[in-house]
N, C-alpha and C. Protein backbone atom coordinates (compact mmCIF):
# COMPACT_ATOMS: atom_id res chain seq x y z
N UNK A 1 4.46 8.01 -10.20
CA UNK A 1 3.40 7.66 -11.17
C UNK A 1 1.99 7.64 -10.10
N UNK A 2 0.96 7.87 -10.80
CA UNK A 2 -0.38 7.57 -10.01
C UNK A 2 -1.39 6.69 -11.16
N UNK A 3 -2.31 6.00 -10.59
CA UNK A 3 -3.13 5.36 -11.41
C UNK A 3 -4.01 6.24 -12.07
N UNK A 4 -4.44 5.81 -13.36
CA UNK A 4 -5.25 6.78 -13.99
C UNK A 4 -6.69 6.48 -13.82
N UNK A 5 -7.45 7.48 -14.34
CA UNK A 5 -9.11 7.16 -14.20
C UNK A 5 -9.36 5.78 -14.83
N UNK A 6 -8.68 5.41 -16.04
CA UNK A 6 -8.87 4.09 -16.53
C UNK A 6 -8.60 2.85 -15.57
N UNK A 7 -7.62 2.92 -15.05
CA UNK A 7 -7.28 2.02 -13.99
C UNK A 7 -8.23 1.95 -12.78
N UNK A 8 -8.69 3.13 -12.12
CA UNK A 8 -9.61 3.33 -11.28
C UNK A 8 -11.00 2.47 -11.70
N UNK A 9 -11.48 2.99 -12.86
CA UNK A 9 -12.79 2.31 -13.47
C UNK A 9 -12.68 0.70 -13.56
N UNK A 10 -11.54 0.12 -13.99
CA UNK A 10 -11.29 -1.25 -13.90
C UNK A 10 -11.40 -1.86 -12.39
N UNK A 11 -10.69 -1.07 -11.37
CA UNK A 11 -10.84 -1.59 -10.03
C UNK A 11 -12.38 -1.52 -9.89
N UNK A 12 -13.08 -0.36 -9.71
CA UNK A 12 -14.38 -0.59 -9.42
C UNK A 12 -15.27 -1.50 -10.17
N UNK A 13 -15.06 -1.69 -11.45
CA UNK A 13 -15.82 -2.42 -12.23
C UNK A 13 -15.73 -3.86 -11.49
N UNK A 14 -14.43 -4.28 -11.19
CA UNK A 14 -14.22 -5.81 -10.70
C UNK A 14 -14.56 -5.86 -9.30
N UNK A 15 -14.34 -4.89 -8.50
CA UNK A 15 -14.46 -4.77 -6.93
C UNK A 15 -15.92 -4.61 -6.54
N UNK A 16 -16.39 -3.58 -7.39
CA UNK A 16 -17.87 -3.27 -7.07
C UNK A 16 -17.62 -2.07 -6.06
N UNK A 17 -18.85 -1.38 -6.04
CA UNK A 17 -18.80 -0.27 -5.32
C UNK A 17 -20.23 -0.19 -4.49
N UNK A 18 -20.14 0.00 -3.01
CA UNK A 18 -21.07 -0.35 -2.15
C UNK A 18 -21.03 1.28 -1.38
N UNK A 19 -22.17 1.96 -1.23
CA UNK A 19 -22.20 3.27 -0.63
C UNK A 19 -22.70 3.06 0.64
N UNK A 20 -23.11 1.94 1.21
CA UNK A 20 -23.51 1.74 2.61
C UNK A 20 -22.44 0.60 3.10
N UNK A 21 -22.27 0.82 4.19
CA UNK A 21 -21.33 -0.32 4.79
C UNK A 21 -21.84 -1.63 4.96
N UNK A 22 -21.08 -2.74 4.69
CA UNK A 22 -21.51 -3.98 4.40
C UNK A 22 -20.29 -5.06 5.19
N UNK A 23 -20.74 -6.25 5.36
CA UNK A 23 -19.64 -7.21 5.88
C UNK A 23 -19.14 -7.74 4.77
N UNK A 24 -17.88 -8.00 4.48
CA UNK A 24 -17.48 -8.49 3.30
C UNK A 24 -17.27 -10.13 3.33
N UNK A 25 -16.60 -10.86 2.67
CA UNK A 25 -16.76 -12.16 2.55
C UNK A 25 -16.37 -12.97 3.75
N UNK A 26 -15.47 -12.25 4.61
CA UNK A 26 -14.88 -12.88 5.81
C UNK A 26 -15.13 -12.16 7.03
N UNK A 27 -16.53 -11.34 6.77
CA UNK A 27 -17.18 -10.74 8.02
C UNK A 27 -16.57 -9.31 8.42
N UNK A 28 -15.93 -8.78 7.83
CA UNK A 28 -15.33 -7.40 8.14
C UNK A 28 -15.97 -6.26 7.52
N UNK A 29 -16.21 -5.16 8.45
CA UNK A 29 -16.90 -4.01 7.98
C UNK A 29 -16.12 -3.40 6.93
N UNK A 30 -16.79 -3.09 5.79
CA UNK A 30 -16.38 -2.60 4.43
C UNK A 30 -17.43 -1.54 3.81
N UNK A 31 -16.77 -0.61 3.29
CA UNK A 31 -17.61 0.50 2.54
C UNK A 31 -16.67 0.67 1.07
N UNK A 32 -17.49 1.32 0.11
CA UNK A 32 -16.87 1.87 -0.89
C UNK A 32 -16.54 0.92 -1.80
N UNK A 33 -15.35 0.81 -2.18
CA UNK A 33 -14.50 -0.10 -3.05
C UNK A 33 -13.41 -1.09 -2.15
N UNK A 34 -14.14 -1.82 -1.28
CA UNK A 34 -13.34 -2.37 -0.33
C UNK A 34 -12.45 -1.68 0.47
N UNK A 35 -13.04 -0.73 1.15
CA UNK A 35 -12.20 -0.10 2.10
C UNK A 35 -12.75 -0.60 3.42
N UNK A 36 -11.87 -0.80 4.19
CA UNK A 36 -11.93 -1.42 5.59
C UNK A 36 -12.33 -0.44 6.47
N UNK A 37 -13.32 -0.58 7.30
CA UNK A 37 -13.45 0.45 8.37
C UNK A 37 -13.12 -0.07 9.64
N UNK A 38 -11.95 0.99 10.09
CA UNK A 38 -11.60 0.50 11.43
C UNK A 38 -10.70 -0.71 11.25
N UNK A 39 -10.90 -1.56 12.20
CA UNK A 39 -10.16 -2.83 12.52
C UNK A 39 -11.07 -3.86 11.57
N UNK A 40 -12.38 -3.44 11.26
CA UNK A 40 -13.40 -4.20 10.59
C UNK A 40 -14.39 -5.08 11.35
N UNK A 41 -13.91 -5.12 12.82
CA UNK A 41 -14.70 -5.92 13.75
C UNK A 41 -15.85 -5.31 14.00
N UNK A 42 -15.96 -3.83 14.15
CA UNK A 42 -17.22 -3.45 14.72
C UNK A 42 -17.39 -2.02 13.91
N UNK A 43 -18.57 -1.69 13.69
CA UNK A 43 -19.14 -0.58 12.93
C UNK A 43 -19.24 0.63 13.72
N UNK A 44 -18.24 1.44 13.64
CA UNK A 44 -18.74 2.85 14.66
C UNK A 44 -19.80 3.58 14.16
N UNK A 45 -20.33 4.14 15.13
CA UNK A 45 -21.90 4.79 14.73
C UNK A 45 -21.59 5.94 13.59
N UNK A 46 -20.32 6.64 13.65
CA UNK A 46 -20.41 7.63 12.58
C UNK A 46 -20.02 7.21 11.25
N UNK A 47 -19.85 5.74 11.20
CA UNK A 47 -19.76 5.39 9.75
C UNK A 47 -21.08 4.69 9.46
N UNK A 48 -21.85 4.64 10.07
CA UNK A 48 -23.35 3.85 9.63
C UNK A 48 -24.04 4.55 9.23
N UNK A 49 -23.97 5.12 7.71
CA UNK A 49 -24.44 6.08 7.07
C UNK A 49 -24.31 5.66 5.67
N UNK A 50 -24.93 6.35 4.76
CA UNK A 50 -25.17 6.26 3.30
C UNK A 50 -23.74 7.10 2.82
N UNK A 51 -23.10 6.68 2.16
CA UNK A 51 -21.71 7.25 1.55
C UNK A 51 -21.97 8.02 0.32
N UNK A 52 -21.62 9.28 0.02
CA UNK A 52 -21.67 9.77 -1.11
C UNK A 52 -20.71 9.37 -2.10
N UNK A 53 -20.98 9.33 -3.73
CA UNK A 53 -20.05 8.95 -4.48
C UNK A 53 -18.56 9.67 -4.17
N UNK A 54 -18.51 11.11 -3.79
CA UNK A 54 -17.48 11.69 -3.76
C UNK A 54 -16.79 11.19 -2.45
N UNK A 55 -17.41 10.84 -1.40
CA UNK A 55 -16.77 10.12 -0.14
C UNK A 55 -16.15 8.63 -0.53
N UNK A 56 -16.93 8.06 -1.20
CA UNK A 56 -16.18 6.67 -1.70
C UNK A 56 -15.01 6.93 -2.66
N UNK A 57 -15.15 7.89 -3.69
CA UNK A 57 -13.90 8.08 -4.45
C UNK A 57 -12.55 8.46 -3.67
N UNK A 58 -13.05 9.28 -2.57
CA UNK A 58 -11.74 9.75 -1.67
C UNK A 58 -11.35 8.76 -0.81
N UNK A 59 -12.02 7.83 -0.31
CA UNK A 59 -11.57 6.54 0.28
C UNK A 59 -10.93 5.68 -0.51
N UNK A 60 -11.21 5.60 -1.73
CA UNK A 60 -10.61 4.74 -2.68
C UNK A 60 -9.06 5.24 -3.06
N UNK A 61 -9.03 6.56 -3.31
CA UNK A 61 -7.76 7.21 -3.78
C UNK A 61 -6.87 7.26 -2.48
N UNK A 62 -7.42 7.25 -1.36
CA UNK A 62 -6.57 7.06 -0.10
C UNK A 62 -5.99 5.86 -0.04
N UNK A 63 -6.76 4.73 -0.24
CA UNK A 63 -6.26 3.47 -0.37
C UNK A 63 -5.24 3.10 -1.41
N UNK A 64 -5.52 3.62 -2.57
CA UNK A 64 -4.68 3.36 -3.69
C UNK A 64 -3.27 3.98 -3.65
N UNK A 65 -2.78 4.85 -2.61
CA UNK A 65 -1.57 5.33 -2.40
C UNK A 65 -0.64 4.40 -2.17
N UNK A 66 -1.15 3.51 -1.12
CA UNK A 66 -0.19 2.34 -0.68
C UNK A 66 0.19 1.36 -1.97
N UNK A 67 -0.67 1.06 -2.50
CA UNK A 67 -0.44 0.23 -3.78
C UNK A 67 0.18 1.10 -4.94
N UNK A 68 0.25 2.34 -5.06
CA UNK A 68 0.90 3.13 -6.37
C UNK A 68 2.19 3.16 -5.67
N UNK A 69 2.72 3.39 -4.22
CA UNK A 69 3.89 3.14 -3.63
C UNK A 69 4.64 1.81 -3.64
N UNK A 70 3.75 0.91 -3.29
CA UNK A 70 4.24 -0.51 -3.24
C UNK A 70 4.83 -1.11 -4.65
N UNK A 71 4.05 -0.59 -5.68
CA UNK A 71 4.28 -1.11 -6.99
C UNK A 71 5.46 -0.45 -7.48
N UNK A 72 5.70 0.85 -7.14
CA UNK A 72 6.94 1.64 -7.68
C UNK A 72 8.21 1.03 -6.84
N UNK A 73 8.03 0.81 -5.72
CA UNK A 73 8.90 -0.05 -4.84
C UNK A 73 9.48 -1.27 -5.44
N UNK A 74 8.55 -2.07 -5.66
CA UNK A 74 8.74 -3.48 -6.03
C UNK A 74 9.21 -3.47 -7.42
N UNK A 75 8.95 -2.59 -8.41
CA UNK A 75 9.13 -2.58 -9.77
C UNK A 75 9.94 -1.12 -10.31
N UNK A 76 11.32 -0.75 -9.82
CA UNK A 76 11.73 0.42 -10.17
C UNK A 76 12.24 0.21 -11.56
N UNK A 77 11.37 0.04 -12.41
CA UNK A 77 11.67 -0.01 -14.06
C UNK A 77 10.63 0.93 -14.56
N UNK A 78 10.96 1.45 -15.80
CA UNK A 78 10.28 2.28 -16.61
C UNK A 78 8.92 1.37 -16.78
N UNK A 79 7.81 1.84 -16.47
CA UNK A 79 6.32 1.20 -17.07
C UNK A 79 5.36 2.23 -17.85
N UNK A 80 4.78 1.57 -18.77
CA UNK A 80 3.60 2.66 -19.39
C UNK A 80 2.46 2.74 -18.38
N UNK A 81 1.80 3.85 -18.46
CA UNK A 81 0.60 4.07 -17.70
C UNK A 81 -0.23 2.97 -17.65
N UNK A 82 -0.48 2.15 -18.72
CA UNK A 82 -1.45 1.01 -18.68
C UNK A 82 -1.05 -0.09 -17.98
N UNK A 83 0.51 -0.37 -18.10
CA UNK A 83 1.08 -1.33 -17.27
C UNK A 83 0.96 -1.09 -15.84
N UNK A 84 1.13 0.03 -15.43
CA UNK A 84 0.99 0.57 -14.24
C UNK A 84 -0.20 0.28 -13.54
N UNK A 85 -1.16 0.76 -14.34
CA UNK A 85 -2.72 0.63 -13.77
C UNK A 85 -3.07 -1.09 -13.71
N UNK A 86 -2.62 -1.69 -14.70
CA UNK A 86 -2.97 -3.16 -14.46
C UNK A 86 -2.35 -3.72 -13.26
N UNK A 87 -1.34 -3.35 -13.06
CA UNK A 87 -0.35 -3.78 -11.90
C UNK A 87 -0.94 -3.42 -10.67
N UNK A 88 -1.36 -2.05 -10.59
CA UNK A 88 -2.40 -1.67 -9.26
C UNK A 88 -3.46 -2.40 -9.11
N UNK A 89 -4.22 -2.62 -10.18
CA UNK A 89 -5.56 -3.40 -10.01
C UNK A 89 -5.05 -4.81 -9.49
N UNK A 90 -4.26 -5.63 -10.10
CA UNK A 90 -3.74 -6.68 -9.63
C UNK A 90 -3.48 -6.68 -8.22
N UNK A 91 -2.64 -5.86 -7.74
CA UNK A 91 -2.08 -5.88 -6.44
C UNK A 91 -3.27 -5.47 -5.51
N UNK A 92 -3.96 -4.71 -5.98
CA UNK A 92 -5.23 -4.37 -4.94
C UNK A 92 -6.29 -5.18 -4.83
N UNK A 93 -6.14 -6.22 -5.50
CA UNK A 93 -7.08 -7.57 -5.28
C UNK A 93 -6.20 -8.53 -4.57
N UNK A 94 -4.94 -8.88 -4.93
CA UNK A 94 -4.28 -9.83 -4.37
C UNK A 94 -3.20 -9.59 -3.04
N UNK A 95 -3.09 -8.31 -3.40
CA UNK A 95 -2.02 -7.80 -2.13
C UNK A 95 -0.67 -7.59 -2.73
N UNK A 96 0.13 -6.55 -2.05
CA UNK A 96 1.50 -6.37 -2.78
C UNK A 96 2.36 -7.47 -2.28
N UNK A 97 1.94 -8.40 -1.40
CA UNK A 97 3.02 -9.59 -1.12
C UNK A 97 2.92 -10.46 -2.05
N UNK A 98 1.63 -10.67 -2.76
CA UNK A 98 1.67 -11.57 -3.91
C UNK A 98 2.62 -11.28 -5.22
N UNK A 99 2.36 -9.69 -5.33
CA UNK A 99 3.34 -9.12 -6.49
C UNK A 99 4.68 -9.34 -6.24
N UNK A 100 5.09 -9.27 -4.89
CA UNK A 100 6.33 -9.30 -4.69
C UNK A 100 6.98 -10.67 -4.77
N UNK A 101 6.31 -11.73 -4.54
CA UNK A 101 6.81 -13.00 -4.69
C UNK A 101 6.54 -13.76 -5.95
N UNK A 102 5.99 -12.79 -6.97
CA UNK A 102 5.35 -13.53 -8.47
C UNK A 102 6.31 -13.48 -9.49
N UNK A 103 6.23 -14.32 -10.18
CA UNK A 103 6.77 -14.54 -11.38
C UNK A 103 6.80 -13.43 -12.21
N UNK A 104 5.32 -12.85 -12.09
CA UNK A 104 4.79 -11.67 -12.97
C UNK A 104 6.01 -10.39 -12.74
N UNK A 105 6.49 -10.25 -11.49
CA UNK A 105 7.35 -9.39 -11.11
C UNK A 105 8.67 -9.64 -11.48
N UNK A 106 8.94 -10.93 -11.47
CA UNK A 106 10.33 -11.45 -12.01
C UNK A 106 10.66 -10.94 -13.17
N UNK A 107 9.41 -11.54 -14.07
CA UNK A 107 9.81 -10.97 -15.62
C UNK A 107 9.46 -9.58 -16.04
N UNK A 108 8.76 -8.54 -15.30
CA UNK A 108 9.12 -7.02 -15.34
C UNK A 108 10.44 -6.69 -15.09
N UNK A 109 10.92 -7.36 -14.11
CA UNK A 109 12.37 -6.98 -13.70
C UNK A 109 13.27 -7.20 -14.72
N UNK A 110 13.08 -8.36 -15.44
CA UNK A 110 13.92 -8.54 -16.59
C UNK A 110 13.67 -8.16 -17.78
N UNK A 111 12.64 -7.28 -17.78
CA UNK A 111 12.07 -6.65 -18.99
C UNK A 111 11.38 -7.55 -20.02
N UNK A 112 11.01 -8.70 -19.41
CA UNK A 112 10.13 -9.66 -20.15
C UNK A 112 8.81 -9.26 -20.17
N UNK A 113 8.28 -8.41 -20.74
CA UNK A 113 6.89 -7.89 -20.76
C UNK A 113 5.74 -8.86 -21.33
N UNK A 114 6.10 -9.30 -22.15
CA UNK A 114 5.43 -10.67 -22.94
C UNK A 114 5.21 -11.84 -21.97
N UNK A 115 6.22 -12.20 -21.39
CA UNK A 115 6.10 -13.48 -20.31
C UNK A 115 5.35 -12.65 -19.13
N UNK A 116 5.50 -11.51 -18.74
CA UNK A 116 4.84 -11.09 -17.50
C UNK A 116 3.37 -10.80 -17.89
N UNK A 117 2.84 -10.50 -18.91
CA UNK A 117 1.50 -10.36 -19.38
C UNK A 117 0.80 -11.83 -19.11
N UNK A 118 1.43 -12.89 -19.44
CA UNK A 118 0.84 -14.27 -19.31
C UNK A 118 0.71 -14.42 -17.99
N UNK A 119 1.55 -14.04 -17.09
CA UNK A 119 1.47 -14.38 -15.40
C UNK A 119 0.14 -14.02 -14.95
N UNK A 120 -0.50 -12.76 -15.45
CA UNK A 120 -1.64 -12.41 -15.06
C UNK A 120 -2.85 -13.74 -14.80
N UNK A 121 -2.67 -14.65 -15.99
CA UNK A 121 -3.68 -15.67 -16.03
C UNK A 121 -3.59 -16.58 -14.97
N UNK A 122 -2.52 -16.51 -14.41
CA UNK A 122 -2.19 -17.76 -13.28
C UNK A 122 -3.14 -17.46 -12.20
N UNK A 123 -3.65 -16.29 -11.74
CA UNK A 123 -4.46 -15.75 -10.52
C UNK A 123 -5.60 -15.85 -10.73
N UNK A 124 -6.36 -16.98 -10.83
CA UNK A 124 -7.77 -17.08 -11.23
C UNK A 124 -8.24 -17.84 -10.25
N UNK A 125 -7.67 -18.41 -9.06
CA UNK A 125 -8.33 -19.46 -8.29
C UNK A 125 -8.62 -18.54 -6.89
N UNK A 126 -9.73 -19.26 -6.34
CA UNK A 126 -10.13 -18.82 -4.95
C UNK A 126 -10.45 -19.89 -4.31
N UNK A 127 -9.96 -20.32 -3.16
CA UNK A 127 -10.37 -21.59 -2.46
C UNK A 127 -10.05 -22.81 -3.34
N UNK A 128 -9.00 -22.76 -4.07
CA UNK A 128 -8.46 -23.88 -5.11
C UNK A 128 -9.34 -24.13 -6.19
N UNK A 129 -10.31 -23.18 -6.47
CA UNK A 129 -11.12 -23.38 -7.78
C UNK A 129 -11.10 -22.10 -8.35
N UNK A 130 -10.95 -22.29 -9.83
CA UNK A 130 -11.15 -21.32 -10.85
C UNK A 130 -12.52 -20.64 -10.80
N UNK A 131 -12.22 -19.22 -10.32
CA UNK A 131 -13.39 -18.52 -10.25
C UNK A 131 -13.60 -17.53 -11.71
N UNK A 132 -14.75 -17.57 -12.21
CA UNK A 132 -15.16 -16.84 -13.57
C UNK A 132 -14.74 -15.41 -13.42
N UNK A 133 -15.37 -14.84 -12.25
CA UNK A 133 -14.84 -13.27 -12.14
C UNK A 133 -13.29 -13.12 -12.19
N UNK A 134 -12.66 -14.15 -11.48
CA UNK A 134 -11.35 -13.88 -11.39
C UNK A 134 -10.46 -13.96 -13.05
N UNK A 135 -11.17 -14.83 -13.49
CA UNK A 135 -10.58 -15.10 -14.96
C UNK A 135 -10.91 -13.93 -15.72
N UNK A 136 -12.14 -13.29 -15.58
CA UNK A 136 -12.44 -12.22 -16.56
C UNK A 136 -11.71 -10.99 -16.00
N UNK A 137 -11.16 -10.82 -14.90
CA UNK A 137 -10.43 -9.59 -13.98
C UNK A 137 -9.16 -9.87 -14.37
N UNK A 138 -8.49 -11.04 -14.44
CA UNK A 138 -7.18 -11.20 -15.09
C UNK A 138 -7.11 -11.07 -16.48
N UNK A 139 -8.10 -11.27 -17.45
CA UNK A 139 -8.01 -11.03 -18.80
C UNK A 139 -8.09 -9.42 -19.02
N UNK A 140 -8.89 -8.80 -18.36
CA UNK A 140 -8.53 -7.23 -18.18
C UNK A 140 -7.60 -6.70 -18.04
N UNK A 141 -6.95 -7.10 -17.08
CA UNK A 141 -5.67 -6.52 -16.75
C UNK A 141 -4.45 -6.91 -17.48
N UNK A 142 -4.43 -8.12 -18.11
CA UNK A 142 -3.61 -8.57 -19.22
C UNK A 142 -3.76 -7.75 -20.33
N UNK A 143 -5.16 -7.43 -20.72
CA UNK A 143 -5.40 -6.81 -22.07
C UNK A 143 -4.82 -5.24 -21.79
N UNK A 144 -5.00 -4.68 -20.51
CA UNK A 144 -4.53 -3.21 -20.37
C UNK A 144 -3.14 -3.31 -20.27
N UNK A 145 -2.47 -4.16 -19.77
CA UNK A 145 -0.98 -4.27 -19.53
C UNK A 145 -0.21 -4.35 -20.90
N UNK A 146 -0.95 -5.16 -21.70
CA UNK A 146 -0.55 -5.18 -23.23
C UNK A 146 -0.70 -3.75 -24.01
N UNK A 147 -1.61 -3.34 -23.65
CA UNK A 147 -2.39 -2.13 -24.59
C UNK A 147 -1.28 -0.89 -24.64
N UNK A 148 -1.08 -0.08 -25.75
CA UNK A 148 -0.04 0.80 -25.92
C UNK A 148 -0.50 2.07 -25.06
């Protein structure tokens, strides 16, 4: 299964899209939709440019493959496209390790999809504080997960 355009748009909306390399919140060089440049510590001259929309989209698709494979490996159960997309967005933001250790995953493996949907809303903190943007993102992911 692959993420749909709806899922990609959700990620872009919440992550933001940058066509010029920038330092992220921890000082690593990044471009596009959170794509880490090399080891992130230095900006190679060849990357110091304005990226086209097509180049940004190609980097994102390349990055999403790891999350698609990871979600499929961690959740070997039938999922709808919308459930899969929501889980990719969640994992892209928090990492596959968080998904692996989560009650969200445990509920899905038990086929408790209603309980799983509620678990999205627990991941709204950064630095110990509730972050409005994460609340919005988790609500959007939950809504997508629950939609037909």
